[in-house]
Amino acid sequence: MIELSTLSGFIVASSLLILIPGPNVALIALQSALYGRRSGLMVVIGITSGQAVQILLVLVGLSTLLSVWSVAFTVLKVMGTLYLFWLAVEAFIRASKAVGFNEAATINPVRNVFWRGVMVALANPKTMLFHAAFLPQFVSVQYSVFPQLILLGSIFLGLAFFLDSVWAIAIGSLRQFMANSRVQSCLKWGTGFVYLIMGALLFSRRASN
């Protein structure tokens, strides 16, 4: 199997990549600040589930298809972009409405939050290509490749879930300090802009980047 030194290097590299603030962290933070730790954790579970699907697809070779068949990548990219733009519009509509702090906690059902996290993770086919390029770097050719990829993928998902959950719990704990209506309005507008930026970045990317 994988040598301990290689596995340790993978854990360190994965942790650093996950800890770098990005769109996923921004969404988790905003969701936790608006609706509390439970909602934030459901976003984490949804995003992690979406990443699990992507890693599974990498293992069955779909990432190779995306890298060599530009049409498939483009179709998934456009669909993902449209979905993120739709989420941005929805967030802007909510932000434009005057909703009280207690009422805001009830307008985002946990089930919807979970599936939103899944779809946001799946919306970016570039992440699948990243996993396809990153995971094999820590595979030893002396042993069976497939079990090693399963192990590395599982460790990455476990780290992502744990570290993202820390963000959700930490920021969700501060929710009561964000009860000010002006702060809530800024957070809602911020959520919309995060979706909008994610969509714009996704649309501007190419499979070869």
N, C-alpha and C. Protein backbone atom coordinates (compact mmCIF):
# COMPACT_ATOMS: atom_id res chain seq x y z
N MET A 1 0.84 -1.20 0.00
CA MET A 1 0.00 0.00 0.00
C MET A 1 0.87 1.25 0.00
N ILE A 2 0.26 2.39 0.28
CA ILE A 2 0.97 3.67 0.24
C ILE A 2 1.91 3.78 1.43
N GLU A 3 3.11 4.27 1.19
CA GLU A 3 4.07 4.46 2.26
C GLU A 3 3.59 5.56 3.20
N LEU A 4 3.98 5.45 4.47
CA LEU A 4 3.54 6.39 5.49
C LEU A 4 3.97 7.82 5.17
N SER A 5 5.18 7.99 4.67
CA SER A 5 5.67 9.32 4.34
C SER A 5 4.86 9.95 3.21
N THR A 6 4.50 9.13 2.22
CA THR A 6 3.68 9.62 1.11
C THR A 6 2.28 9.98 1.59
N LEU A 7 1.73 9.12 2.45
CA LEU A 7 0.40 9.37 2.99
C LEU A 7 0.39 10.64 3.84
N SER A 8 1.42 10.84 4.63
CA SER A 8 1.52 12.05 5.45
C SER A 8 1.59 13.29 4.57
N GLY A 9 2.37 13.20 3.49
CA GLY A 9 2.47 14.32 2.56
C GLY A 9 1.13 14.64 1.91
N PHE A 10 0.38 13.58 1.59
CA PHE A 10 -0.94 13.77 0.98
C PHE A 10 -1.88 14.47 1.96
N ILE A 11 -1.85 14.07 3.22
CA ILE A 11 -2.73 14.66 4.23
C ILE A 11 -2.41 16.14 4.42
N VAL A 12 -1.12 16.45 4.48
CA VAL A 12 -0.70 17.85 4.65
C VAL A 12 -1.11 18.68 3.44
N ALA A 13 -0.83 18.17 2.24
CA ALA A 13 -1.16 18.91 1.01
C ALA A 13 -2.67 19.10 0.88
N SER A 14 -3.44 18.05 1.17
CA SER A 14 -4.90 18.13 1.07
C SER A 14 -5.46 19.13 2.08
N SER A 15 -4.94 19.09 3.30
CA SER A 15 -5.41 20.00 4.35
C SER A 15 -5.17 21.45 3.96
N LEU A 16 -4.00 21.73 3.42
CA LEU A 16 -3.67 23.09 3.00
C LEU A 16 -4.60 23.55 1.88
N LEU A 17 -4.85 22.66 0.92
CA LEU A 17 -5.75 23.01 -0.18
C LEU A 17 -7.16 23.29 0.31
N ILE A 18 -7.63 22.47 1.24
CA ILE A 18 -9.00 22.62 1.75
C ILE A 18 -9.13 23.88 2.60
N LEU A 19 -8.08 24.21 3.36
CA LEU A 19 -8.12 25.35 4.27
C LEU A 19 -8.05 26.69 3.54
N ILE A 20 -7.54 26.68 2.30
CA ILE A 20 -7.48 27.93 1.54
C ILE A 20 -8.90 28.42 1.29
N PRO A 21 -9.24 29.63 1.78
CA PRO A 21 -10.60 30.14 1.59
C PRO A 21 -10.95 30.24 0.11
N GLY A 22 -12.07 29.66 -0.25
CA GLY A 22 -12.53 29.69 -1.63
C GLY A 22 -14.04 29.80 -1.66
N PRO A 23 -14.66 29.61 -2.82
CA PRO A 23 -16.12 29.72 -2.94
C PRO A 23 -16.88 28.80 -1.99
N ASN A 24 -16.42 27.55 -1.83
CA ASN A 24 -17.12 26.63 -0.94
C ASN A 24 -17.11 27.13 0.50
N VAL A 25 -15.94 27.60 0.95
CA VAL A 25 -15.83 28.12 2.32
C VAL A 25 -16.71 29.36 2.48
N ALA A 26 -16.74 30.20 1.45
CA ALA A 26 -17.57 31.40 1.51
C ALA A 26 -19.04 31.05 1.65
N LEU A 27 -19.50 30.05 0.89
CA LEU A 27 -20.89 29.63 0.96
C LEU A 27 -21.22 29.02 2.33
N ILE A 28 -20.31 28.21 2.83
CA ILE A 28 -20.52 27.59 4.15
C ILE A 28 -20.60 28.67 5.22
N ALA A 29 -19.70 29.65 5.14
CA ALA A 29 -19.67 30.72 6.13
C ALA A 29 -20.95 31.55 6.08
N LEU A 30 -21.37 31.92 4.88
CA LEU A 30 -22.57 32.74 4.73
C LEU A 30 -23.82 31.99 5.18
N GLN A 31 -23.90 30.71 4.81
CA GLN A 31 -25.05 29.89 5.20
C GLN A 31 -25.11 29.75 6.72
N SER A 32 -23.97 29.53 7.35
CA SER A 32 -23.92 29.37 8.80
C SER A 32 -24.28 30.67 9.51
N ALA A 33 -23.80 31.78 8.96
CA ALA A 33 -24.08 33.08 9.57
C ALA A 33 -25.55 33.45 9.47
N LEU A 34 -26.17 33.08 8.35
CA LEU A 34 -27.58 33.43 8.13
C LEU A 34 -28.54 32.50 8.86
N TYR A 35 -28.27 31.20 8.81
CA TYR A 35 -29.25 30.22 9.27
C TYR A 35 -28.76 29.30 10.40
N GLY A 36 -27.53 29.50 10.85
CA GLY A 36 -27.05 28.72 11.99
C GLY A 36 -26.18 27.53 11.63
N ARG A 37 -25.65 26.88 12.67
CA ARG A 37 -24.71 25.78 12.48
C ARG A 37 -25.33 24.60 11.75
N ARG A 38 -26.58 24.26 12.09
CA ARG A 38 -27.21 23.11 11.46
C ARG A 38 -27.30 23.27 9.95
N SER A 39 -27.72 24.45 9.53
CA SER A 39 -27.82 24.70 8.10
C SER A 39 -26.44 24.70 7.46
N GLY A 40 -25.46 25.29 8.13
CA GLY A 40 -24.10 25.29 7.61
C GLY A 40 -23.53 23.89 7.47
N LEU A 41 -23.80 23.04 8.47
CA LEU A 41 -23.32 21.66 8.41
C LEU A 41 -23.99 20.87 7.30
N MET A 42 -25.27 21.17 7.03
CA MET A 42 -25.95 20.49 5.93
C MET A 42 -25.34 20.88 4.58
N VAL A 43 -24.91 22.15 4.46
CA VAL A 43 -24.20 22.56 3.25
C VAL A 43 -22.90 21.78 3.12
N VAL A 44 -22.19 21.62 4.23
CA VAL A 44 -20.94 20.86 4.24
C VAL A 44 -21.20 19.43 3.79
N ILE A 45 -22.23 18.80 4.34
CA ILE A 45 -22.55 17.43 3.96
C ILE A 45 -22.90 17.35 2.47
N GLY A 46 -23.65 18.34 2.00
CA GLY A 46 -24.02 18.35 0.59
C GLY A 46 -22.81 18.52 -0.32
N ILE A 47 -21.93 19.47 0.02
CA ILE A 47 -20.73 19.69 -0.79
C ILE A 47 -19.84 18.45 -0.78
N THR A 48 -19.66 17.85 0.41
CA THR A 48 -18.83 16.65 0.51
C THR A 48 -19.43 15.50 -0.28
N SER A 49 -20.75 15.38 -0.26
CA SER A 49 -21.41 14.33 -1.04
C SER A 49 -21.19 14.55 -2.54
N GLY A 50 -21.28 15.80 -2.98
CA GLY A 50 -21.03 16.11 -4.37
C GLY A 50 -19.60 15.79 -4.77
N GLN A 51 -18.65 16.10 -3.88
CA GLN A 51 -17.25 15.77 -4.15
C GLN A 51 -17.03 14.26 -4.19
N ALA A 52 -17.78 13.53 -3.35
CA ALA A 52 -17.67 12.07 -3.36
C ALA A 52 -18.11 11.51 -4.70
N VAL A 53 -19.18 12.08 -5.26
CA VAL A 53 -19.65 11.64 -6.57
C VAL A 53 -18.58 11.93 -7.62
N GLN A 54 -17.96 13.11 -7.54
CA GLN A 54 -16.92 13.46 -8.50
C GLN A 54 -15.72 12.52 -8.42
N ILE A 55 -15.29 12.21 -7.19
CA ILE A 55 -14.16 11.30 -7.03
C ILE A 55 -14.52 9.91 -7.56
N LEU A 56 -15.76 9.48 -7.32
CA LEU A 56 -16.20 8.18 -7.84
C LEU A 56 -16.15 8.17 -9.36
N LEU A 57 -16.58 9.28 -9.97
CA LEU A 57 -16.53 9.37 -11.43
C LEU A 57 -15.09 9.38 -11.94
N VAL A 58 -14.20 9.98 -11.15
CA VAL A 58 -12.78 9.95 -11.51
C VAL A 58 -12.28 8.51 -11.53
N LEU A 59 -12.69 7.73 -10.53
CA LEU A 59 -12.24 6.35 -10.43
C LEU A 59 -12.74 5.50 -11.60
N VAL A 60 -13.91 5.83 -12.13
CA VAL A 60 -14.44 5.05 -13.25
C VAL A 60 -14.01 5.62 -14.60
N GLY A 61 -13.22 6.71 -14.55
CA GLY A 61 -12.62 7.21 -15.78
C GLY A 61 -13.34 8.31 -16.50
N LEU A 62 -14.41 8.90 -15.90
CA LEU A 62 -15.13 9.95 -16.60
C LEU A 62 -14.26 11.20 -16.77
N SER A 63 -13.33 11.42 -15.83
CA SER A 63 -12.47 12.60 -15.95
C SER A 63 -11.66 12.56 -17.24
N THR A 64 -11.29 11.36 -17.67
CA THR A 64 -10.55 11.22 -18.92
C THR A 64 -11.40 11.66 -20.10
N LEU A 65 -12.70 11.30 -20.04
CA LEU A 65 -13.62 11.70 -21.09
C LEU A 65 -13.73 13.22 -21.16
N LEU A 66 -13.84 13.85 -19.99
CA LEU A 66 -13.97 15.31 -19.96
C LEU A 66 -12.72 16.00 -20.48
N SER A 67 -11.57 15.41 -20.21
CA SER A 67 -10.31 16.05 -20.61
C SER A 67 -10.05 15.92 -22.11
N VAL A 68 -10.58 14.87 -22.74
CA VAL A 68 -10.31 14.66 -24.17
C VAL A 68 -11.51 15.03 -25.04
N TRP A 69 -12.68 15.11 -24.46
CA TRP A 69 -13.87 15.46 -25.23
C TRP A 69 -14.36 16.83 -24.76
N SER A 70 -13.94 17.87 -25.44
CA SER A 70 -14.22 19.23 -25.01
C SER A 70 -15.72 19.54 -25.00
N VAL A 71 -16.49 18.86 -25.86
CA VAL A 71 -17.93 19.11 -25.90
C VAL A 71 -18.58 18.74 -24.57
N ALA A 72 -18.20 17.60 -24.01
CA ALA A 72 -18.77 17.16 -22.73
C ALA A 72 -18.43 18.15 -21.64
N PHE A 73 -17.20 18.61 -21.61
CA PHE A 73 -16.79 19.58 -20.59
C PHE A 73 -17.58 20.88 -20.75
N THR A 74 -17.74 21.33 -21.98
CA THR A 74 -18.44 22.59 -22.23
C THR A 74 -19.90 22.49 -21.81
N VAL A 75 -20.55 21.37 -22.13
CA VAL A 75 -21.95 21.19 -21.76
C VAL A 75 -22.12 21.24 -20.24
N LEU A 76 -21.28 20.49 -19.52
CA LEU A 76 -21.36 20.49 -18.07
C LEU A 76 -21.03 21.87 -17.49
N LYS A 77 -20.07 22.56 -18.11
CA LYS A 77 -19.68 23.88 -17.64
C LYS A 77 -20.83 24.87 -17.79
N VAL A 78 -21.50 24.86 -18.94
CA VAL A 78 -22.61 25.78 -19.18
C VAL A 78 -23.77 25.48 -18.24
N MET A 79 -24.08 24.19 -18.05
CA MET A 79 -25.15 23.82 -17.14
C MET A 79 -24.83 24.27 -15.72
N GLY A 80 -23.59 24.06 -15.29
CA GLY A 80 -23.19 24.49 -13.96
C GLY A 80 -23.26 25.99 -13.80
N THR A 81 -22.83 26.72 -14.83
CA THR A 81 -22.85 28.18 -14.79
C THR A 81 -24.28 28.70 -14.67
N LEU A 82 -25.18 28.16 -15.47
CA LEU A 82 -26.58 28.58 -15.42
C LEU A 82 -27.19 28.31 -14.06
N TYR A 83 -26.85 27.17 -13.47
CA TYR A 83 -27.39 26.84 -12.15
C TYR A 83 -26.88 27.83 -11.10
N LEU A 84 -25.60 28.16 -11.14
CA LEU A 84 -25.04 29.11 -10.18
C LEU A 84 -25.63 30.51 -10.37
N PHE A 85 -25.85 30.91 -11.61
CA PHE A 85 -26.47 32.20 -11.87
C PHE A 85 -27.91 32.23 -11.34
N TRP A 86 -28.60 31.11 -11.48
CA TRP A 86 -29.97 31.03 -10.96
C TRP A 86 -29.96 31.17 -9.44
N LEU A 87 -29.01 30.52 -8.77
CA LEU A 87 -28.89 30.66 -7.33
C LEU A 87 -28.59 32.09 -6.94
N ALA A 88 -27.77 32.78 -7.74
CA ALA A 88 -27.44 34.18 -7.47
C ALA A 88 -28.69 35.05 -7.55
N VAL A 89 -29.48 34.85 -8.59
CA VAL A 89 -30.72 35.62 -8.75
C VAL A 89 -31.66 35.37 -7.58
N GLU A 90 -31.79 34.11 -7.20
CA GLU A 90 -32.64 33.75 -6.07
C GLU A 90 -32.16 34.43 -4.79
N ALA A 91 -30.84 34.46 -4.57
CA ALA A 91 -30.29 35.10 -3.38
C ALA A 91 -30.54 36.60 -3.40
N PHE A 92 -30.41 37.23 -4.57
CA PHE A 92 -30.65 38.67 -4.68
C PHE A 92 -32.12 39.01 -4.41
N ILE A 93 -33.01 38.14 -4.87
CA ILE A 93 -34.44 38.37 -4.61
C ILE A 93 -34.73 38.30 -3.12
N ARG A 94 -34.14 37.32 -2.43
CA ARG A 94 -34.32 37.22 -0.99
C ARG A 94 -33.72 38.42 -0.27
N ALA A 95 -32.58 38.88 -0.76
CA ALA A 95 -31.91 40.01 -0.11
C ALA A 95 -32.72 41.30 -0.26
N SER A 96 -33.47 41.40 -1.35
CA SER A 96 -34.24 42.62 -1.59
C SER A 96 -35.51 42.68 -0.76
N LYS A 97 -35.88 41.56 -0.15
CA LYS A 97 -37.08 41.53 0.69
C LYS A 97 -36.70 41.77 2.14
N ALA A 98 -37.52 42.48 2.84
CA ALA A 98 -37.29 42.75 4.26
C ALA A 98 -37.79 41.57 5.08
N VAL A 99 -36.87 40.72 5.52
CA VAL A 99 -37.21 39.53 6.31
C VAL A 99 -36.54 39.63 7.66
N GLY A 100 -37.27 39.40 8.71
CA GLY A 100 -36.72 39.47 10.06
C GLY A 100 -35.76 38.34 10.33
N PHE A 101 -34.95 38.51 11.38
CA PHE A 101 -33.91 37.53 11.72
C PHE A 101 -34.52 36.17 12.04
N ASN A 102 -35.56 36.13 12.85
CA ASN A 102 -36.17 34.85 13.23
C ASN A 102 -36.87 34.21 12.04
N GLU A 103 -37.48 35.04 11.21
CA GLU A 103 -38.17 34.51 10.03
C GLU A 103 -37.18 33.95 9.03
N ALA A 104 -36.01 34.58 8.96
CA ALA A 104 -35.00 34.12 7.99
C ALA A 104 -34.54 32.72 8.29
N ALA A 105 -34.60 32.33 9.55
CA ALA A 105 -34.12 31.01 9.94
C ALA A 105 -35.03 29.90 9.44
N THR A 106 -36.25 30.27 9.00
CA THR A 106 -37.22 29.25 8.63
C THR A 106 -37.44 29.15 7.12
N ILE A 107 -36.80 30.03 6.34
CA ILE A 107 -37.11 30.05 4.92
C ILE A 107 -36.11 29.22 4.11
N ASN A 108 -35.21 28.54 4.79
CA ASN A 108 -34.21 27.74 4.09
C ASN A 108 -34.23 26.31 4.62
N PRO A 109 -35.17 25.46 4.19
CA PRO A 109 -35.29 24.10 4.72
C PRO A 109 -33.98 23.34 4.61
N VAL A 110 -33.71 22.51 5.63
CA VAL A 110 -32.45 21.77 5.69
C VAL A 110 -32.28 20.88 4.47
N ARG A 111 -33.37 20.23 4.04
CA ARG A 111 -33.28 19.33 2.89
C ARG A 111 -32.85 20.09 1.64
N ASN A 112 -33.42 21.27 1.43
CA ASN A 112 -33.04 22.08 0.27
C ASN A 112 -31.59 22.51 0.35
N VAL A 113 -31.13 22.82 1.56
CA VAL A 113 -29.75 23.25 1.75
C VAL A 113 -28.79 22.12 1.38
N PHE A 114 -29.12 20.91 1.77
CA PHE A 114 -28.27 19.76 1.44
C PHE A 114 -28.13 19.60 -0.06
N TRP A 115 -29.25 19.59 -0.76
CA TRP A 115 -29.20 19.37 -2.21
C TRP A 115 -28.55 20.53 -2.91
N ARG A 116 -28.68 21.72 -2.35
CA ARG A 116 -27.99 22.87 -2.94
C ARG A 116 -26.48 22.68 -2.85
N GLY A 117 -26.02 22.18 -1.70
CA GLY A 117 -24.60 21.90 -1.54
C GLY A 117 -24.12 20.87 -2.54
N VAL A 118 -24.92 19.82 -2.74
CA VAL A 118 -24.56 18.78 -3.71
C VAL A 118 -24.44 19.38 -5.11
N MET A 119 -25.43 20.17 -5.50
CA MET A 119 -25.45 20.72 -6.85
C MET A 119 -24.33 21.72 -7.08
N VAL A 120 -24.02 22.51 -6.05
CA VAL A 120 -22.92 23.48 -6.18
C VAL A 120 -21.61 22.73 -6.40
N ALA A 121 -21.41 21.63 -5.68
CA ALA A 121 -20.19 20.84 -5.85
C ALA A 121 -20.13 20.22 -7.24
N LEU A 122 -21.25 19.71 -7.72
CA LEU A 122 -21.28 19.05 -9.02
C LEU A 122 -21.27 20.03 -10.18
N ALA A 123 -21.57 21.31 -9.89
CA ALA A 123 -21.69 22.30 -10.97
C ALA A 123 -20.37 22.59 -11.65
N ASN A 124 -19.26 22.26 -10.98
CA ASN A 124 -17.95 22.59 -11.53
C ASN A 124 -17.20 21.34 -11.97
N PRO A 125 -17.20 21.02 -13.27
CA PRO A 125 -16.48 19.83 -13.75
C PRO A 125 -14.96 19.98 -13.59
N LYS A 126 -14.49 21.22 -13.41
CA LYS A 126 -13.07 21.45 -13.24
C LYS A 126 -12.55 20.76 -11.98
N THR A 127 -13.40 20.66 -10.95
CA THR A 127 -13.00 20.00 -9.72
C THR A 127 -12.70 18.52 -9.97
N MET A 128 -13.47 17.92 -10.86
CA MET A 128 -13.26 16.52 -11.19
C MET A 128 -11.90 16.33 -11.85
N LEU A 129 -11.54 17.26 -12.73
CA LEU A 129 -10.25 17.19 -13.38
C LEU A 129 -9.13 17.41 -12.37
N PHE A 130 -9.39 18.25 -11.37
CA PHE A 130 -8.39 18.48 -10.33
C PHE A 130 -8.12 17.18 -9.57
N HIS A 131 -9.18 16.50 -9.17
CA HIS A 131 -9.01 15.23 -8.45
C HIS A 131 -8.27 14.21 -9.33
N ALA A 132 -8.59 14.22 -10.62
CA ALA A 132 -7.95 13.27 -11.53
C ALA A 132 -6.45 13.55 -11.65
N ALA A 133 -6.06 14.82 -11.48
CA ALA A 133 -4.64 15.17 -11.58
C ALA A 133 -3.93 15.08 -10.24
N PHE A 134 -4.66 15.36 -9.16
CA PHE A 134 -4.04 15.45 -7.83
C PHE A 134 -3.83 14.08 -7.18
N LEU A 135 -4.85 13.26 -7.17
CA LEU A 135 -4.78 11.98 -6.46
C LEU A 135 -3.67 11.06 -6.99
N PRO A 136 -3.51 10.93 -8.31
CA PRO A 136 -2.47 10.00 -8.80
C PRO A 136 -1.04 10.40 -8.41
N GLN A 137 -0.84 11.65 -8.01
CA GLN A 137 0.50 12.09 -7.63
C GLN A 137 1.02 11.35 -6.40
N PHE A 138 0.11 10.75 -5.64
CA PHE A 138 0.49 10.09 -4.39
C PHE A 138 0.31 8.57 -4.48
N VAL A 139 0.15 8.07 -5.69
CA VAL A 139 -0.05 6.63 -5.90
C VAL A 139 1.29 5.97 -6.22
N SER A 140 1.53 4.83 -5.62
CA SER A 140 2.75 4.06 -5.88
C SER A 140 2.46 3.01 -6.95
N VAL A 141 3.30 2.98 -7.96
CA VAL A 141 3.10 2.02 -9.05
C VAL A 141 3.47 0.60 -8.64
N GLN A 142 4.06 0.46 -7.47
CA GLN A 142 4.46 -0.86 -6.99
C GLN A 142 3.27 -1.67 -6.48
N TYR A 143 2.16 -0.98 -6.25
CA TYR A 143 0.98 -1.66 -5.71
C TYR A 143 -0.22 -1.40 -6.63
N SER A 144 -1.31 -2.10 -6.34
CA SER A 144 -2.53 -1.94 -7.12
C SER A 144 -3.02 -0.49 -7.00
N VAL A 145 -3.29 0.12 -8.13
CA VAL A 145 -3.62 1.55 -8.17
C VAL A 145 -5.01 1.83 -7.61
N PHE A 146 -6.00 1.04 -8.01
CA PHE A 146 -7.39 1.34 -7.65
C PHE A 146 -7.61 1.43 -6.14
N PRO A 147 -7.14 0.46 -5.33
CA PRO A 147 -7.33 0.58 -3.87
C PRO A 147 -6.66 1.82 -3.29
N GLN A 148 -5.52 2.21 -3.87
CA GLN A 148 -4.84 3.40 -3.39
C GLN A 148 -5.68 4.66 -3.67
N LEU A 149 -6.27 4.71 -4.84
CA LEU A 149 -7.12 5.86 -5.19
C LEU A 149 -8.34 5.93 -4.28
N ILE A 150 -8.92 4.78 -3.97
CA ILE A 150 -10.06 4.75 -3.06
C ILE A 150 -9.66 5.28 -1.69
N LEU A 151 -8.50 4.84 -1.19
CA LEU A 151 -8.01 5.29 0.11
C LEU A 151 -7.76 6.79 0.11
N LEU A 152 -7.05 7.28 -0.91
CA LEU A 152 -6.74 8.71 -0.99
C LEU A 152 -8.01 9.54 -1.12
N GLY A 153 -8.94 9.09 -1.94
CA GLY A 153 -10.20 9.81 -2.10
C GLY A 153 -10.98 9.87 -0.80
N SER A 154 -11.01 8.77 -0.07
CA SER A 154 -11.73 8.71 1.20
C SER A 154 -11.10 9.65 2.23
N ILE A 155 -9.76 9.66 2.27
CA ILE A 155 -9.07 10.55 3.21
C ILE A 155 -9.34 12.01 2.86
N PHE A 156 -9.30 12.33 1.57
CA PHE A 156 -9.57 13.71 1.14
C PHE A 156 -10.97 14.14 1.56
N LEU A 157 -11.95 13.27 1.34
CA LEU A 157 -13.33 13.60 1.70
C LEU A 157 -13.48 13.77 3.21
N GLY A 158 -12.81 12.89 3.97
CA GLY A 158 -12.86 13.00 5.43
C GLY A 158 -12.27 14.31 5.92
N LEU A 159 -11.14 14.69 5.34
CA LEU A 159 -10.51 15.96 5.72
C LEU A 159 -11.38 17.14 5.33
N ALA A 160 -11.96 17.08 4.14
CA ALA A 160 -12.82 18.17 3.67
C ALA A 160 -14.03 18.34 4.57
N PHE A 161 -14.64 17.22 4.94
CA PHE A 161 -15.82 17.28 5.81
C PHE A 161 -15.45 17.85 7.18
N PHE A 162 -14.35 17.39 7.76
CA PHE A 162 -13.95 17.85 9.09
C PHE A 162 -13.59 19.34 9.09
N LEU A 163 -12.74 19.75 8.16
CA LEU A 163 -12.27 21.13 8.15
C LEU A 163 -13.39 22.11 7.76
N ASP A 164 -14.23 21.72 6.82
CA ASP A 164 -15.36 22.58 6.45
C ASP A 164 -16.36 22.67 7.59
N SER A 165 -16.51 21.58 8.35
CA SER A 165 -17.42 21.60 9.50
C SER A 165 -16.94 22.56 10.57
N VAL A 166 -15.63 22.68 10.70
CA VAL A 166 -15.08 23.63 11.67
C VAL A 166 -15.52 25.05 11.32
N TRP A 167 -15.46 25.38 10.02
CA TRP A 167 -15.94 26.69 9.58
C TRP A 167 -17.42 26.88 9.93
N ALA A 168 -18.24 25.88 9.63
CA ALA A 168 -19.68 25.98 9.87
C ALA A 168 -19.99 26.15 11.35
N ILE A 169 -19.35 25.36 12.21
CA ILE A 169 -19.62 25.43 13.65
C ILE A 169 -19.13 26.74 14.22
N ALA A 170 -17.93 27.16 13.82
CA ALA A 170 -17.35 28.39 14.37
C ALA A 170 -18.19 29.61 14.00
N ILE A 171 -18.54 29.72 12.72
CA ILE A 171 -19.30 30.88 12.28
C ILE A 171 -20.75 30.79 12.72
N GLY A 172 -21.30 29.58 12.73
CA GLY A 172 -22.68 29.41 13.21
C GLY A 172 -22.83 29.80 14.66
N SER A 173 -21.78 29.63 15.45
CA SER A 173 -21.82 30.00 16.87
C SER A 173 -21.92 31.51 17.06
N LEU A 174 -21.52 32.26 16.04
CA LEU A 174 -21.55 33.72 16.12
C LEU A 174 -22.84 34.30 15.55
N ARG A 175 -23.77 33.43 15.19
CA ARG A 175 -24.98 33.89 14.50
C ARG A 175 -25.78 34.89 15.32
N GLN A 176 -25.86 34.68 16.61
CA GLN A 176 -26.64 35.59 17.45
C GLN A 176 -26.05 37.00 17.46
N PHE A 177 -24.76 37.10 17.17
CA PHE A 177 -24.12 38.41 17.13
C PHE A 177 -24.34 39.10 15.78
N MET A 178 -24.99 38.36 14.86
CA MET A 178 -25.23 38.90 13.53
C MET A 178 -26.72 39.14 13.31
N ALA A 179 -27.45 39.33 14.40
CA ALA A 179 -28.90 39.48 14.30
C ALA A 179 -29.32 40.84 13.75
N ASN A 180 -28.39 41.76 13.67
CA ASN A 180 -28.70 43.07 13.12
C ASN A 180 -29.21 42.94 11.70
N SER A 181 -30.31 43.60 11.39
CA SER A 181 -30.94 43.47 10.07
C SER A 181 -30.02 43.93 8.95
N ARG A 182 -29.20 44.94 9.23
CA ARG A 182 -28.28 45.41 8.20
C ARG A 182 -27.21 44.37 7.89
N VAL A 183 -26.72 43.71 8.95
CA VAL A 183 -25.73 42.64 8.76
C VAL A 183 -26.35 41.50 7.99
N GLN A 184 -27.59 41.14 8.34
CA GLN A 184 -28.28 40.06 7.64
C GLN A 184 -28.45 40.38 6.17
N SER A 185 -28.79 41.62 5.87
CA SER A 185 -28.98 42.03 4.48
C SER A 185 -27.66 41.93 3.72
N CYS A 186 -26.57 42.35 4.34
CA CYS A 186 -25.25 42.26 3.70
C CYS A 186 -24.87 40.82 3.42
N LEU A 187 -25.18 39.93 4.38
CA LEU A 187 -24.86 38.52 4.22
C LEU A 187 -25.63 37.91 3.05
N LYS A 188 -26.90 38.30 2.91
CA LYS A 188 -27.72 37.77 1.82
C LYS A 188 -27.23 38.26 0.46
N TRP A 189 -26.91 39.56 0.40
CA TRP A 189 -26.34 40.07 -0.84
C TRP A 189 -25.00 39.42 -1.14
N GLY A 190 -24.22 39.18 -0.07
CA GLY A 190 -22.92 38.53 -0.23
C GLY A 190 -23.06 37.13 -0.79
N THR A 191 -24.09 36.41 -0.34
CA THR A 191 -24.35 35.06 -0.85
C THR A 191 -24.61 35.10 -2.35
N GLY A 192 -25.42 36.07 -2.77
CA GLY A 192 -25.71 36.20 -4.20
C GLY A 192 -24.47 36.49 -5.02
N PHE A 193 -23.62 37.38 -4.51
CA PHE A 193 -22.40 37.73 -5.25
C PHE A 193 -21.42 36.56 -5.30
N VAL A 194 -21.39 35.73 -4.24
CA VAL A 194 -20.52 34.55 -4.26
C VAL A 194 -20.97 33.60 -5.36
N TYR A 195 -22.28 33.34 -5.44
CA TYR A 195 -22.80 32.48 -6.52
C TYR A 195 -22.48 33.08 -7.89
N LEU A 196 -22.64 34.40 -8.00
CA LEU A 196 -22.41 35.07 -9.28
C LEU A 196 -20.94 34.96 -9.70
N ILE A 197 -20.04 35.17 -8.75
CA ILE A 197 -18.60 35.07 -9.04
C ILE A 197 -18.22 33.64 -9.39
N MET A 198 -18.79 32.67 -8.64
CA MET A 198 -18.51 31.26 -8.96
C MET A 198 -18.94 30.93 -10.38
N GLY A 199 -20.13 31.41 -10.77
CA GLY A 199 -20.62 31.15 -12.12
C GLY A 199 -19.74 31.79 -13.18
N ALA A 200 -19.31 33.04 -12.93
CA ALA A 200 -18.47 33.75 -13.89
C ALA A 200 -17.11 33.06 -14.04
N LEU A 201 -16.53 32.64 -12.92
CA LEU A 201 -15.24 31.96 -12.97
C LEU A 201 -15.34 30.62 -13.69
N LEU A 202 -16.44 29.90 -13.40
CA LEU A 202 -16.62 28.60 -14.05
C LEU A 202 -16.77 28.78 -15.56
N PHE A 203 -17.55 29.79 -15.97
CA PHE A 203 -17.79 29.99 -17.40
C PHE A 203 -16.52 30.41 -18.14
N SER A 204 -15.61 31.08 -17.43
CA SER A 204 -14.38 31.59 -18.08
C SER A 204 -13.30 30.53 -18.18
N ARG A 205 -13.49 29.40 -17.52
CA ARG A 205 -12.45 28.37 -17.54
C ARG A 205 -12.53 27.49 -18.76
N ARG A 206 -11.39 26.92 -19.08
CA ARG A 206 -11.31 25.96 -20.18
C ARG A 206 -10.81 24.64 -19.64
N ALA A 207 -11.14 23.58 -20.33
CA ALA A 207 -10.74 22.24 -19.88
C ALA A 207 -9.24 22.09 -19.83
N SER A 208 -8.52 22.82 -20.64
CA SER A 208 -7.08 22.69 -20.71
C SER A 208 -6.35 23.50 -19.66
N ASN A 209 -7.06 24.39 -18.92
CA ASN A 209 -6.41 25.22 -17.91
C ASN A 209 -6.01 24.43 -16.71
